[in-house]
Each structure stands twice: as C-alpha cells, then as structure tokens.
Amino acid sequence: MIRMTQTPIAMEKVTDSVELTKAHAQDERFERNWAWFEAHAAEIYARHRGQVYCIAGQELFVAATPKEVLALARAAHPNDDGLFTGYIPKERTYRIYAH
C-alpha cells in the first residue's frame, strides 16, 4: 500500500517593493527564455529526442539528465533565474492528459 502525504500550502501576500522588483525581473527573464524556446521548439524537438533540455540566457542546453543540463546552463548563465527545463520523449506519439 502506498501512503500519500499532503504537503501544506502556504500563501502570503508580498508587498515589499524590493522583492516585487526581483520577482518581476525574474519573470521577464523567464518570458524571454520562453519566447526563444517557442521560436525554436520544432527544431529542438526534432534534434534532441530522449534528452533533457534547459533554456537559459535564450540559449539551448541539452544533456542526458536534469542535473547535467542544469550544470551546463548555470555555468554559462549563472545569473539567469528565469531558466526552465523539459524532457523530450524518445518516441513521437499521441499523449492524452486527463484528470
């Protein structure tokens, strides 16, 4: 039997202008990375099946594991906290997402 534990969710309203400025800057970096990814997604998916990717500094990094790809991206762009990762399945197939 598998036991499921629930992690409590805590929300707080941030009003500190310094923290808000940092958050907006991080969001802008993420949006630039996301826009770059969207512009190159077809090529990325065609060339890197079965691998993990990371977009940082509007640049693609690819490796076999999340740990490896994050090390590459952070070494090249240590200040980019708007990076994101994903995995490209080896086989192209239909996927059904349902709740």
Protein backbone atom coordinates (compact mmCIF):
# COMPACT_ATOMS: atom_id res chain seq x y z
CA MET A 1 0.00 0.00 0.00
CA ILE A 2 1.32 3.42 -0.93
CA ARG A 3 0.80 6.16 1.58
CA MET A 4 0.15 9.61 0.25
CA THR A 5 1.07 12.56 2.39
CA GLN A 6 -0.15 16.05 1.80
CA THR A 7 2.20 18.95 2.00
CA PRO A 8 0.51 22.05 3.37
CA ILE A 9 0.37 25.01 1.03
CA ALA A 10 1.16 28.40 2.46
CA MET A 11 0.38 31.63 0.65
CA GLU A 12 1.45 35.06 1.62
CA LYS A 13 0.98 38.45 0.07
CA VAL A 14 4.28 40.11 -0.76
CA THR A 15 4.26 43.89 -0.59
CA ASP A 16 7.98 44.63 -0.24
CA SER A 17 8.92 46.71 -3.30
CA VAL A 18 12.44 45.21 -3.45
CA GLU A 19 11.06 41.66 -3.52
CA LEU A 20 8.44 42.62 -6.08
CA THR A 21 11.09 44.17 -8.32
CA LYS A 22 13.17 40.98 -8.11
CA ALA A 23 10.14 38.85 -8.94
CA HIS A 24 9.24 40.98 -11.95
CA ALA A 25 12.81 40.84 -13.24
CA GLN A 26 12.86 37.04 -12.87
CA ASP A 27 9.53 36.80 -14.69
CA GLU A 28 10.91 38.93 -17.55
CA ARG A 29 13.94 36.61 -17.86
CA PHE A 30 11.62 33.60 -17.94
CA GLU A 31 9.42 35.22 -20.61
CA ARG A 32 12.47 35.94 -22.81
CA ASN A 33 13.62 32.32 -22.43
CA TRP A 34 10.10 31.04 -23.16
CA ALA A 35 9.79 33.22 -26.28
CA TRP A 36 13.15 31.90 -27.51
CA PHE A 37 12.02 28.32 -26.86
CA GLU A 38 8.75 28.80 -28.72
CA ALA A 39 10.62 30.21 -31.72
CA HIS A 40 12.93 27.16 -31.80
CA ALA A 41 10.70 24.37 -30.40
CA ALA A 42 10.21 22.47 -33.66
CA GLU A 43 13.97 22.26 -34.25
CA ILE A 44 14.70 21.37 -30.62
CA TYR A 45 12.14 18.55 -30.59
CA ALA A 46 13.33 17.21 -33.95
CA ARG A 47 17.00 17.05 -32.95
CA HIS A 48 17.04 16.15 -29.26
CA ARG A 49 14.60 13.29 -28.66
CA GLY A 50 15.25 11.32 -25.48
CA GLN A 51 17.15 14.17 -23.85
CA VAL A 52 16.62 16.81 -21.20
CA TYR A 53 16.82 20.43 -22.29
CA CYS A 54 17.25 23.72 -20.48
CA ILE A 55 16.77 27.21 -21.83
CA ALA A 56 18.86 29.89 -20.11
CA GLY A 57 20.04 33.20 -21.48
CA GLN A 58 17.95 32.49 -24.59
CA GLU A 59 20.29 29.56 -25.29
CA LEU A 60 19.67 25.82 -25.51
CA PHE A 61 21.48 23.28 -23.33
CA VAL A 62 20.95 19.55 -23.77
CA ALA A 63 22.10 16.58 -21.65
CA ALA A 64 21.05 13.13 -20.54
CA THR A 65 19.93 14.15 -17.03
CA PRO A 66 18.41 17.20 -15.35
CA LYS A 67 21.46 17.54 -13.10
CA GLU A 68 23.81 17.63 -16.09
CA VAL A 69 21.77 20.08 -18.12
CA LEU A 70 21.31 22.45 -15.16
CA ALA A 71 25.07 22.40 -14.51
CA LEU A 72 25.73 23.38 -18.13
CA ALA A 73 23.12 26.15 -18.13
CA ARG A 74 24.14 27.60 -14.77
CA ALA A 75 27.83 27.57 -15.72
CA ALA A 76 27.06 29.61 -18.85
CA HIS A 77 24.39 31.87 -17.30
CA PRO A 78 24.83 31.91 -13.52
CA ASN A 79 22.53 34.89 -13.01
CA ASP A 80 19.61 33.66 -15.09
CA ASP A 81 16.97 32.62 -12.60
CA GLY A 82 14.33 32.56 -15.35
CA LEU A 83 15.58 29.31 -16.84
CA PHE A 84 13.42 26.24 -17.32
CA THR A 85 13.87 22.60 -18.25
CA GLY A 86 11.95 19.87 -20.01
CA TYR A 87 12.27 16.36 -21.36
CA ILE A 88 11.66 15.33 -24.95
CA PRO A 89 10.33 11.76 -25.19
CA LYS A 90 12.29 9.43 -27.48
CA GLU A 91 9.25 8.39 -29.46
CA ARG A 92 6.87 10.81 -31.03
CA THR A 93 3.40 9.68 -30.02
CA TYR A 94 -0.04 10.89 -29.07
CA ARG A 95 -0.46 11.74 -25.42
CA ILE A 96 -3.72 12.04 -23.56
CA TYR A 97 -3.82 14.20 -20.49
CA ALA A 98 -6.93 13.77 -18.37
CA HIS A 99 -7.93 14.32 -14.82
